[in-house]
């Protein structure tokens, strides 16, 4: 790790040197504490053979710390004014590759490269504004990452890792792909400029296991997301009423399926685990054939 990158004065100097100003609209807040960097690396369970995908490296406080630990780092950066900076850094760290452009779009084009890898991991300090979209993009990659470690707004981290009783559309969406777990809390003072909220590090593992469970269930992503969007459509309504109103099956069919899951007819969407959603959808799809 380049310890100078933990000093706000040095980051400000780099901003002046390269004509760059952090954009609040892009969530450009830079870590000035080594603790979250080390926590992300630990959560990544990295090996020397790993390829790591990073989103939004900025000046590279995480990127440069990763470089000596893994085979290769591929970083996606949208801020074109940092090109001269990264041209210099990549000469010092030849196993770092920077791909320029919007990560969500560039990752889709990069999938042919990913297919040539035995495995890879994703580590990213995600801008708050694109967290949900970026997570789904990463978790839908083919092949999927072995593990994803992301730093997100603390409130979002709590929602991602929620269990039955506190589930939301976001938690169900992410847990369809893997098993999220909060590994560290990160106070807002760990960044420059400091954001208005605290953050947390979330490790998403079990991705291949979940893919296997999905294949066994036969529930395609489009079908799963259609049902959960309906189920969470009106939070105060019972699940059976939401599904019947939005997807038009007979309400009694929904209630019968819930009883088969040993769930009361009055259950709400936030009370079901992803496994129960898969069972419920399988029953309802079979009843509709």
C-alpha atoms as a PDB file:
ATOM      1  CA  UNK A   1       0.000   0.000   0.000  1.00  0.00           C
ATOM      2  CA  UNK A   2       1.181   3.519  -0.784  1.00  0.00           C
ATOM      3  CA  UNK A   3       0.714   5.128   2.651  1.00  0.00           C
ATOM      4  CA  UNK A   4       0.755   8.622   1.094  1.00  0.00           C
ATOM      5  CA  UNK A   5      -2.692   7.878  -0.324  1.00  0.00           C
ATOM      6  CA  UNK A   6      -4.048   7.834   3.223  1.00  0.00           C
ATOM      7  CA  UNK A   7      -3.148  11.502   3.670  1.00  0.00           C
ATOM      8  CA  UNK A   8      -5.817  14.035   2.580  1.00  0.00           C
ATOM      9  CA  UNK A   9      -3.066  16.573   1.868  1.00  0.00           C
ATOM     10  CA  UNK A  10      -1.454  14.200  -0.631  1.00  0.00           C
ATOM     11  CA  UNK A  11      -4.806  13.401  -2.272  1.00  0.00           C
ATOM     12  CA  UNK A  12      -5.477  17.130  -2.613  1.00  0.00           C
ATOM     13  CA  UNK A  13      -2.060  17.553  -4.230  1.00  0.00           C
ATOM     14  CA  UNK A  14      -2.841  14.761  -6.708  1.00  0.00           C
ATOM     15  CA  UNK A  15      -6.179  16.414  -7.501  1.00  0.00           C
ATOM     16  CA  UNK A  16      -4.381  19.693  -8.276  1.00  0.00           C
ATOM     17  CA  UNK A  17      -1.671  17.951 -10.296  1.00  0.00           C
ATOM     18  CA  UNK A  18      -4.115  16.085 -12.529  1.00  0.00           C
ATOM     19  CA  UNK A  19      -6.833  18.722 -12.696  1.00  0.00           C
ATOM     20  CA  UNK A  20      -9.328  16.567 -10.847  1.00  0.00           C
ATOM     21  CA  UNK A  21     -12.032  17.433  -8.332  1.00  0.00           C
ATOM     22  CA  UNK A  22     -14.007  14.730  -6.451  1.00  0.00           C
ATOM     23  CA  UNK A  23     -17.594  14.647  -7.671  1.00  0.00           C
ATOM     24  CA  UNK A  24     -20.286  14.136  -5.055  1.00  0.00           C
ATOM     25  CA  UNK A  25     -22.674  12.994  -7.801  1.00  0.00           C
ATOM     26  CA  UNK A  26     -20.327  10.076  -8.568  1.00  0.00           C
ATOM     27  CA  UNK A  27     -19.758   9.176  -4.921  1.00  0.00           C
ATOM     28  CA  UNK A  28     -16.040   9.976  -5.159  1.00  0.00           C
ATOM     29  CA  UNK A  29     -14.920   9.719  -1.528  1.00  0.00           C
ATOM     30  CA  UNK A  30     -11.402   8.416  -0.897  1.00  0.00           C
ATOM     31  CA  UNK A  31     -10.321   6.161   1.960  1.00  0.00           C
ATOM     32  CA  UNK A  32      -7.816   7.786   4.320  1.00  0.00           C
ATOM     33  CA  UNK A  33      -7.651   4.898   6.792  1.00  0.00           C
ATOM     34  CA  UNK A  34      -5.788   1.630   6.328  1.00  0.00           C
ATOM     35  CA  UNK A  35      -8.236  -0.324   8.488  1.00  0.00           C
ATOM     36  CA  UNK A  36     -11.042  -0.628   5.879  1.00  0.00           C
ATOM     37  CA  UNK A  37      -8.488  -1.501   3.157  1.00  0.00           C
ATOM     38  CA  UNK A  38      -7.072  -4.301   5.284  1.00  0.00           C
ATOM     39  CA  UNK A  39     -10.578  -5.446   6.227  1.00  0.00           C
ATOM     40  CA  UNK A  40     -11.601  -5.698   2.561  1.00  0.00           C
ATOM     41  CA  UNK A  41      -8.472  -7.671   1.713  1.00  0.00           C
ATOM     42  CA  UNK A  42      -9.102 -10.050   4.612  1.00  0.00           C
ATOM     43  CA  UNK A  43     -12.731 -10.529   3.594  1.00  0.00           C
ATOM     44  CA  UNK A  44     -11.620 -11.327   0.033  1.00  0.00           C
ATOM     45  CA  UNK A  45      -9.731 -14.442   1.203  1.00  0.00           C
ATOM     46  CA  UNK A  46      -7.187 -13.748  -1.533  1.00  0.00           C
ATOM     47  CA  UNK A  47      -4.584 -16.118  -2.946  1.00  0.00           C
ATOM     48  CA  UNK A  48      -1.539 -15.406  -5.168  1.00  0.00           C
ATOM     49  CA  UNK A  49      -3.374 -17.004  -8.125  1.00  0.00           C
ATOM     50  CA  UNK A  50      -6.400 -14.711  -7.915  1.00  0.00           C
ATOM     51  CA  UNK A  51      -7.522 -12.177 -10.473  1.00  0.00           C
ATOM     52  CA  UNK A  52      -9.358  -9.314  -8.776  1.00  0.00           C
ATOM     53  CA  UNK A  53     -11.903  -7.061 -10.469  1.00  0.00           C
ATOM     54  CA  UNK A  54     -12.143  -3.612  -8.880  1.00  0.00           C
ATOM     55  CA  UNK A  55     -14.737  -0.917  -9.589  1.00  0.00           C
ATOM     56  CA  UNK A  56     -13.722   2.727  -9.193  1.00  0.00           C
ATOM     57  CA  UNK A  57     -10.079   2.577  -8.087  1.00  0.00           C
ATOM     58  CA  UNK A  58      -9.712   6.356  -7.771  1.00  0.00           C
ATOM     59  CA  UNK A  59      -6.084   6.988  -6.852  1.00  0.00           C
ATOM     60  CA  UNK A  60      -5.629   3.322  -5.994  1.00  0.00           C
ATOM     61  CA  UNK A  61      -5.351   2.978  -2.235  1.00  0.00           C
ATOM     62  CA  UNK A  62      -7.000  -0.463  -2.472  1.00  0.00           C
ATOM     63  CA  UNK A  63      -5.666  -1.276  -5.944  1.00  0.00           C
ATOM     64  CA  UNK A  64      -2.020  -0.799  -5.006  1.00  0.00           C
ATOM     65  CA  UNK A  65      -2.502  -2.792  -1.795  1.00  0.00           C
ATOM     66  CA  UNK A  66      -3.967  -5.668  -3.815  1.00  0.00           C
ATOM     67  CA  UNK A  67      -1.256  -5.736  -6.467  1.00  0.00           C
ATOM     68  CA  UNK A  68       1.488  -7.593  -4.494  1.00  0.00           C
ATOM     69  CA  UNK A  69      -1.024 -10.135  -3.173  1.00  0.00           C
ATOM     70  CA  UNK A  70      -2.625 -11.462  -6.367  1.00  0.00           C
ATOM     71  CA  UNK A  71      -1.810 -12.451  -9.927  1.00  0.00           C
ATOM     72  CA  UNK A  72      -3.674  -9.570 -11.565  1.00  0.00           C
ATOM     73  CA  UNK A  73      -5.896  -6.577 -10.773  1.00  0.00           C
ATOM     74  CA  UNK A  74      -8.343  -5.303 -13.397  1.00  0.00           C
ATOM     75  CA  UNK A  75      -9.781  -1.928 -12.364  1.00  0.00           C
ATOM     76  CA  UNK A  76     -12.689  -0.129 -14.060  1.00  0.00           C
ATOM     77  CA  UNK A  77     -12.466   3.666 -13.805  1.00  0.00           C
ATOM     78  CA  UNK A  78     -14.856   6.263 -15.208  1.00  0.00           C
ATOM     79  CA  UNK A  79     -12.774   9.382 -14.460  1.00  0.00           C
ATOM     80  CA  UNK A  80     -10.809  10.015 -17.658  1.00  0.00           C
ATOM     81  CA  UNK A  81      -8.714  12.831 -16.129  1.00  0.00           C
ATOM     82  CA  UNK A  82      -6.870  10.162 -14.130  1.00  0.00           C
ATOM     83  CA  UNK A  83      -5.426   8.494 -17.247  1.00  0.00           C
ATOM     84  CA  UNK A  84      -1.952  10.102 -16.882  1.00  0.00           C
ATOM     85  CA  UNK A  85      -1.859   9.123 -13.216  1.00  0.00           C
ATOM     86  CA  UNK A  86      -2.658   5.482 -13.972  1.00  0.00           C
ATOM     87  CA  UNK A  87      -0.263   5.310 -16.904  1.00  0.00           C
ATOM     88  CA  UNK A  88       2.511   6.110 -14.417  1.00  0.00           C
ATOM     89  CA  UNK A  89       1.211   3.734 -11.759  1.00  0.00           C
ATOM     90  CA  UNK A  90       0.797   0.814 -14.159  1.00  0.00           C
ATOM     91  CA  UNK A  91       4.461   1.099 -15.096  1.00  0.00           C
ATOM     92  CA  UNK A  92       5.294   0.640 -11.408  1.00  0.00           C
ATOM     93  CA  UNK A  93       2.715  -2.139 -10.953  1.00  0.00           C
ATOM     94  CA  UNK A  94       2.622  -4.127 -14.215  1.00  0.00           C
ATOM     95  CA  UNK A  95      -0.023  -6.582 -12.981  1.00  0.00           C
ATOM     96  CA  UNK A  96      -2.600  -3.759 -12.822  1.00  0.00           C
ATOM     97  CA  UNK A  97      -4.812  -3.104 -15.858  1.00  0.00           C
ATOM     98  CA  UNK A  98      -7.163  -0.111 -15.943  1.00  0.00           C
ATOM     99  CA  UNK A  99     -10.215  -0.215 -18.212  1.00  0.00           C
ATOM    100  CA  UNK A 100     -11.743   3.187 -18.880  1.00  0.00           C
ATOM    101  CA  UNK A 101     -15.456   3.854 -18.932  1.00  0.00           C
ATOM    102  CA  UNK A 102     -18.624   3.163 -16.979  1.00  0.00           C
ATOM    103  CA  UNK A 103     -17.966  -0.111 -15.114  1.00  0.00           C
ATOM    104  CA  UNK A 104     -21.493  -1.454 -15.477  1.00  0.00           C
ATOM    105  CA  UNK A 105     -21.259  -1.282 -19.275  1.00  0.00           C
ATOM    106  CA  UNK A 106     -17.608  -2.210 -19.591  1.00  0.00           C
ATOM    107  CA  UNK A 107     -17.987  -5.299 -17.392  1.00  0.00           C
ATOM    108  CA  UNK A 108     -20.561  -6.708 -19.781  1.00  0.00           C
ATOM    109  CA  UNK A 109     -18.061  -6.368 -22.644  1.00  0.00           C
ATOM    110  CA  UNK A 110     -15.305  -7.891 -20.507  1.00  0.00           C
ATOM    111  CA  UNK A 111     -17.097 -11.202 -19.927  1.00  0.00           C
ATOM    112  CA  UNK A 112     -15.255 -12.962 -22.746  1.00  0.00           C
ATOM    113  CA  UNK A 113     -12.034 -12.285 -20.814  1.00  0.00           C
ATOM    114  CA  UNK A 114     -13.591 -13.634 -17.613  1.00  0.00           C
ATOM    115  CA  UNK A 115     -14.440 -16.916 -19.321  1.00  0.00           C
ATOM    116  CA  UNK A 116     -10.734 -17.547 -19.741  1.00  0.00           C
ATOM    117  CA  UNK A 117     -10.153 -17.388 -15.985  1.00  0.00           C
ATOM    118  CA  UNK A 118     -10.369 -20.363 -13.664  1.00  0.00           C
ATOM    119  CA  UNK A 119     -11.816 -18.053 -11.001  1.00  0.00           C
ATOM    120  CA  UNK A 120     -11.832 -14.403 -10.015  1.00  0.00           C
ATOM    121  CA  UNK A 121     -13.046 -12.171  -7.193  1.00  0.00           C
ATOM    122  CA  UNK A 122     -14.576  -8.703  -7.050  1.00  0.00           C
ATOM    123  CA  UNK A 123     -13.506  -6.061  -4.507  1.00  0.00           C
ATOM    124  CA  UNK A 124     -15.023  -2.606  -4.749  1.00  0.00           C
ATOM    125  CA  UNK A 125     -15.794   0.540  -2.796  1.00  0.00           C
ATOM    126  CA  UNK A 126     -19.105   1.141  -4.562  1.00  0.00           C
ATOM    127  CA  UNK A 127     -20.505   4.643  -5.080  1.00  0.00           C
ATOM    128  CA  UNK A 128     -23.752   4.837  -3.113  1.00  0.00           C
ATOM    129  CA  UNK A 129     -25.710   5.996  -6.151  1.00  0.00           C
ATOM    130  CA  UNK A 130     -25.139   2.806  -8.156  1.00  0.00           C
ATOM    131  CA  UNK A 131     -24.939   0.166  -5.411  1.00  0.00           C
ATOM    132  CA  UNK A 132     -27.982  -1.924  -6.378  1.00  0.00           C
ATOM    133  CA  UNK A 133     -27.328  -1.779 -10.109  1.00  0.00           C
ATOM    134  CA  UNK A 134     -23.618  -2.515  -9.713  1.00  0.00           C
ATOM    135  CA  UNK A 135     -24.238  -5.467  -7.378  1.00  0.00           C
ATOM    136  CA  UNK A 136     -26.694  -7.092  -9.737  1.00  0.00           C
ATOM    137  CA  UNK A 137     -24.322  -6.526 -12.678  1.00  0.00           C
ATOM    138  CA  UNK A 138     -21.464  -8.188 -10.780  1.00  0.00           C
ATOM    139  CA  UNK A 139     -23.530 -11.118  -9.511  1.00  0.00           C
ATOM    140  CA  UNK A 140     -25.006 -11.839 -12.953  1.00  0.00           C
ATOM    141  CA  UNK A 141     -21.607 -12.059 -14.666  1.00  0.00           C
ATOM    142  CA  UNK A 142     -20.862 -15.283 -16.531  1.00  0.00           C
ATOM    143  CA  UNK A 143     -18.927 -16.955 -15.118  1.00  0.00           C
ATOM    144  CA  UNK A 144     -19.811 -15.567 -11.675  1.00  0.00           C
ATOM    145  CA  UNK A 145     -17.131 -14.329  -9.269  1.00  0.00           C
ATOM    146  CA  UNK A 146     -15.998 -16.760  -6.614  1.00  0.00           C
ATOM    147  CA  UNK A 147     -16.528 -14.026  -4.038  1.00  0.00           C
ATOM    148  CA  UNK A 148     -17.542 -10.360  -3.971  1.00  0.00           C
ATOM    149  CA  UNK A 149     -16.511  -7.890  -1.272  1.00  0.00           C
ATOM    150  CA  UNK A 150     -18.078  -4.443  -1.421  1.00  0.00           C
ATOM    151  CA  UNK A 151     -18.101  -1.347   0.733  1.00  0.00           C
ATOM    152  CA  UNK A 152     -21.546   0.247   0.786  1.00  0.00           C
ATOM    153  CA  UNK A 153     -23.636   2.627   2.852  1.00  0.00           C
ATOM    154  CA  UNK A 154     -24.217   1.088   6.282  1.00  0.00           C
ATOM    155  CA  UNK A 155     -28.002   1.153   5.942  1.00  0.00           C
ATOM    156  CA  UNK A 156     -27.703  -0.691   2.624  1.00  0.00           C
ATOM    157  CA  UNK A 157     -25.347  -3.248   4.186  1.00  0.00           C
ATOM    158  CA  UNK A 158     -27.920  -3.949   6.895  1.00  0.00           C
ATOM    159  CA  UNK A 159     -30.603  -4.460   4.261  1.00  0.00           C
ATOM    160  CA  UNK A 160     -28.400  -6.722   2.134  1.00  0.00           C
ATOM    161  CA  UNK A 161     -27.664  -9.058   5.040  1.00  0.00           C
ATOM    162  CA  UNK A 162     -31.169  -9.063   6.552  1.00  0.00           C
ATOM    163  CA  UNK A 163     -32.857 -12.345   7.410  1.00  0.00           C
ATOM    164  CA  UNK A 164     -36.489 -13.487   7.258  1.00  0.00           C
ATOM    165  CA  UNK A 165     -38.641 -10.991   9.106  1.00  0.00           C
ATOM    166  CA  UNK A 166     -36.633  -8.035   7.806  1.00  0.00           C
ATOM    167  CA  UNK A 167     -36.225  -8.961   4.147  1.00  0.00           C
ATOM    168  CA  UNK A 168     -36.670  -6.368   1.402  1.00  0.00           C
ATOM    169  CA  UNK A 169     -36.657  -6.361  -2.373  1.00  0.00           C
ATOM    170  CA  UNK A 170     -32.938  -5.526  -2.238  1.00  0.00           C
ATOM    171  CA  UNK A 171     -31.972  -8.293   0.204  1.00  0.00           C
ATOM    172  CA  UNK A 172     -34.011 -10.913  -1.671  1.00  0.00           C
ATOM    173  CA  UNK A 173     -32.475  -9.792  -4.969  1.00  0.00           C
ATOM    174  CA  UNK A 174     -28.887 -10.123  -3.710  1.00  0.00           C
ATOM    175  CA  UNK A 175     -29.504 -13.287  -1.703  1.00  0.00           C
ATOM    176  CA  UNK A 176     -30.851 -14.915  -4.859  1.00  0.00           C
ATOM    177  CA  UNK A 177     -27.225 -14.868  -6.046  1.00  0.00           C
ATOM    178  CA  UNK A 178     -25.210 -15.426  -2.869  1.00  0.00           C
ATOM    179  CA  UNK A 179     -24.900 -15.122   0.899  1.00  0.00           C
ATOM    180  CA  UNK A 180     -24.037 -11.583   2.092  1.00  0.00           C
ATOM    181  CA  UNK A 181     -22.407 -11.009   5.476  1.00  0.00           C
ATOM    182  CA  UNK A 182     -21.229  -7.765   7.113  1.00  0.00           C
ATOM    183  CA  UNK A 183     -17.552  -8.133   8.015  1.00  0.00           C
ATOM    184  CA  UNK A 184     -16.708  -4.606   9.243  1.00  0.00           C
ATOM    185  CA  UNK A 185     -18.241  -1.205   9.986  1.00  0.00           C
ATOM    186  CA  UNK A 186     -16.539   1.861   8.492  1.00  0.00           C
ATOM    187  CA  UNK A 187     -17.145   5.317  10.048  1.00  0.00           C
ATOM    188  CA  UNK A 188     -17.581   8.286   7.723  1.00  0.00           C
ATOM    189  CA  UNK A 189     -14.350   9.816   9.039  1.00  0.00           C
ATOM    190  CA  UNK A 190     -12.445   7.087   7.183  1.00  0.00           C
ATOM    191  CA  UNK A 191     -13.007   9.010   3.923  1.00  0.00           C
ATOM    192  CA  UNK A 192     -11.999  12.288   2.314  1.00  0.00           C
ATOM    193  CA  UNK A 193     -14.124  14.167   1.624  1.00  0.00           C
ATOM    194  CA  UNK A 194     -16.235  12.584   4.414  1.00  0.00           C
ATOM    195  CA  UNK A 195     -19.677  11.417   3.238  1.00  0.00           C
ATOM    196  CA  UNK A 196     -22.832  12.119   5.220  1.00  0.00           C
ATOM    197  CA  UNK A 197     -23.254   8.462   6.262  1.00  0.00           C
ATOM    198  CA  UNK A 198     -21.253   5.581   7.694  1.00  0.00           C
ATOM    199  CA  UNK A 199     -20.345   2.573   5.568  1.00  0.00           C
ATOM    200  CA  UNK A 200     -19.870  -1.158   6.018  1.00  0.00           C
ATOM    201  CA  UNK A 201     -18.010  -3.944   4.248  1.00  0.00           C
ATOM    202  CA  UNK A 202     -20.137  -6.811   2.950  1.00  0.00           C
ATOM    203  CA  UNK A 203     -18.691 -10.121   1.758  1.00  0.00           C
ATOM    204  CA  UNK A 204     -20.901 -12.127  -0.586  1.00  0.00           C
ATOM    205  CA  UNK A 205     -19.919 -15.799  -0.707  1.00  0.00           C
ATOM    206  CA  UNK A 206     -21.598 -19.050  -1.630  1.00  0.00           C
ATOM    207  CA  UNK A 207     -22.251 -17.744  -5.134  1.00  0.00           C
ATOM    208  CA  UNK A 208     -21.587 -20.995  -6.998  1.00  0.00           C
ATOM    209  CA  UNK A 209     -23.572 -22.952  -4.385  1.00  0.00           C
ATOM    210  CA  UNK A 210     -26.527 -20.615  -4.895  1.00  0.00           C
ATOM    211  CA  UNK A 211     -26.230 -20.997  -8.671  1.00  0.00           C
ATOM    212  CA  UNK A 212     -26.486 -24.764  -8.193  1.00  0.00           C
ATOM    213  CA  UNK A 213     -29.594 -24.361  -6.009  1.00  0.00           C
ATOM    214  CA  UNK A 214     -31.180 -22.098  -8.621  1.00  0.00           C
ATOM    215  CA  UNK A 215     -30.488 -24.622 -11.364  1.00  0.00           C
ATOM    216  CA  UNK A 216     -32.071 -27.367  -9.268  1.00  0.00           C
ATOM    217  CA  UNK A 217     -35.143 -25.233  -8.564  1.00  0.00           C
ATOM    218  CA  UNK A 218     -35.656 -24.458 -12.248  1.00  0.00           C
ATOM    219  CA  UNK A 219     -36.719 -20.889 -11.361  1.00  0.00           C
ATOM    220  CA  UNK A 220     -35.284 -18.523 -13.949  1.00  0.00           C
ATOM    221  CA  UNK A 221     -34.099 -15.055 -12.858  1.00  0.00           C
ATOM    222  CA  UNK A 222     -36.846 -13.250 -14.794  1.00  0.00           C
ATOM    223  CA  UNK A 223     -39.520 -15.367 -13.100  1.00  0.00           C
ATOM    224  CA  UNK A 224     -37.991 -14.944  -9.633  1.00  0.00           C
ATOM    225  CA  UNK A 225     -37.760 -11.160  -9.949  1.00  0.00           C
ATOM    226  CA  UNK A 226     -41.292 -10.893 -11.338  1.00  0.00           C
ATOM    227  CA  UNK A 227     -42.649 -12.644  -8.238  1.00  0.00           C
ATOM    228  CA  UNK A 228     -40.586 -10.785  -5.636  1.00  0.00           C
ATOM    229  CA  UNK A 229     -41.400  -7.412  -7.197  1.00  0.00           C
ATOM    230  CA  UNK A 230     -45.065  -8.342  -6.899  1.00  0.00           C
ATOM    231  CA  UNK A 231     -44.640  -9.682  -3.367  1.00  0.00           C
ATOM    232  CA  UNK A 232     -42.944  -6.512  -2.126  1.00  0.00           C
ATOM    233  CA  UNK A 233     -45.187  -4.254  -4.210  1.00  0.00           C
ATOM    234  CA  UNK A 234     -47.245  -3.030  -1.232  1.00  0.00           C
ATOM    235  CA  UNK A 235     -45.332  -3.525   1.987  1.00  0.00           C
ATOM    236  CA  UNK A 236     -48.366  -3.315   4.265  1.00  0.00           C
ATOM    237  CA  UNK A 237     -50.332  -5.902   2.329  1.00  0.00           C
ATOM    238  CA  UNK A 238     -50.202  -9.647   2.841  1.00  0.00           C
ATOM    239  CA  UNK A 239     -48.063 -11.585   0.379  1.00  0.00           C
ATOM    240  CA  UNK A 240     -50.982 -13.584  -1.029  1.00  0.00           C
ATOM    241  CA  UNK A 241     -52.916 -10.407  -1.787  1.00  0.00           C
ATOM    242  CA  UNK A 242     -49.925  -8.732  -3.465  1.00  0.00           C
ATOM    243  CA  UNK A 243     -49.215 -11.705  -5.729  1.00  0.00           C
ATOM    244  CA  UNK A 244     -52.887 -12.269  -6.575  1.00  0.00           C
ATOM    245  CA  UNK A 245     -53.396  -8.568  -7.381  1.00  0.00           C
ATOM    246  CA  UNK A 246     -50.311  -8.139  -9.569  1.00  0.00           C
ATOM    247  CA  UNK A 247     -49.805 -11.554 -11.182  1.00  0.00           C
ATOM    248  CA  UNK A 248     -53.480 -12.588 -11.264  1.00  0.00           C
ATOM    249  CA  UNK A 249     -53.385 -16.183  -9.987  1.00  0.00           C
ATOM    250  CA  UNK A 250     -56.432 -17.280  -7.992  1.00  0.00           C
ATOM    251  CA  UNK A 251     -55.907 -16.034  -4.387  1.00  0.00           C
ATOM    252  CA  UNK A 252     -56.786 -19.477  -3.039  1.00  0.00           C
ATOM    253  CA  UNK A 253     -53.958 -20.978  -5.123  1.00  0.00           C
ATOM    254  CA  UNK A 254     -51.477 -18.656  -3.442  1.00  0.00           C
ATOM    255  CA  UNK A 255     -52.835 -19.465   0.012  1.00  0.00           C
ATOM    256  CA  UNK A 256     -52.668 -23.200  -0.698  1.00  0.00           C
ATOM    257  CA  UNK A 257     -49.028 -22.864  -1.754  1.00  0.00           C
ATOM    258  CA  UNK A 258     -48.233 -20.941   1.440  1.00  0.00           C
ATOM    259  CA  UNK A 259     -49.879 -23.642   3.541  1.00  0.00           C
ATOM    260  CA  UNK A 260     -47.720 -26.220   1.757  1.00  0.00           C
ATOM    261  CA  UNK A 261     -44.687 -24.239   3.006  1.00  0.00           C
ATOM    262  CA  UNK A 262     -46.137 -24.311   6.553  1.00  0.00           C
ATOM    263  CA  UNK A 263     -46.648 -20.573   6.308  1.00  0.00           C
ATOM    264  CA  UNK A 264     -49.854 -18.770   7.388  1.00  0.00           C
ATOM    265  CA  UNK A 265     -52.040 -17.222   4.709  1.00  0.00           C
ATOM    266  CA  UNK A 266     -51.378 -13.814   6.288  1.00  0.00           C
ATOM    267  CA  UNK A 267     -47.582 -13.964   5.874  1.00  0.00           C
ATOM    268  CA  UNK A 268     -45.870 -10.882   4.420  1.00  0.00           C
ATOM    269  CA  UNK A 269     -43.091 -10.790   1.830  1.00  0.00           C
ATOM    270  CA  UNK A 270     -40.404  -9.718   4.323  1.00  0.00           C
ATOM    271  CA  UNK A 271     -40.910 -12.937   6.326  1.00  0.00           C
ATOM    272  CA  UNK A 272     -39.815 -15.356   3.567  1.00  0.00           C
ATOM    273  CA  UNK A 273     -36.252 -16.520   2.933  1.00  0.00           C
ATOM    274  CA  UNK A 274     -34.978 -16.826  -0.631  1.00  0.00           C
ATOM    275  CA  UNK A 275     -35.259 -20.614  -0.319  1.00  0.00           C
ATOM    276  CA  UNK A 276     -38.939 -20.280   0.590  1.00  0.00           C
ATOM    277  CA  UNK A 277     -39.474 -17.873  -2.309  1.00  0.00           C
ATOM    278  CA  UNK A 278     -38.041 -20.466  -4.686  1.00  0.00           C
ATOM    279  CA  UNK A 279     -40.351 -23.162  -3.287  1.00  0.00           C
ATOM    280  CA  UNK A 280     -43.371 -20.858  -3.446  1.00  0.00           C
ATOM    281  CA  UNK A 281     -42.678 -19.820  -7.036  1.00  0.00           C
ATOM    282  CA  UNK A 282     -42.178 -23.448  -8.069  1.00  0.00           C
ATOM    283  CA  UNK A 283     -45.577 -24.361  -6.583  1.00  0.00           C
ATOM    284  CA  UNK A 284     -47.359 -21.414  -8.191  1.00  0.00           C
ATOM    285  CA  UNK A 285     -45.765 -21.963 -11.593  1.00  0.00           C
ATOM    286  CA  UNK A 286     -46.769 -25.650 -11.484  1.00  0.00           C
ATOM    287  CA  UNK A 287     -50.338 -24.726 -10.504  1.00  0.00           C
ATOM    288  CA  UNK A 288     -50.556 -22.304 -13.426  1.00  0.00           C
ATOM    289  CA  UNK A 289     -49.573 -24.815 -16.093  1.00  0.00           C
END
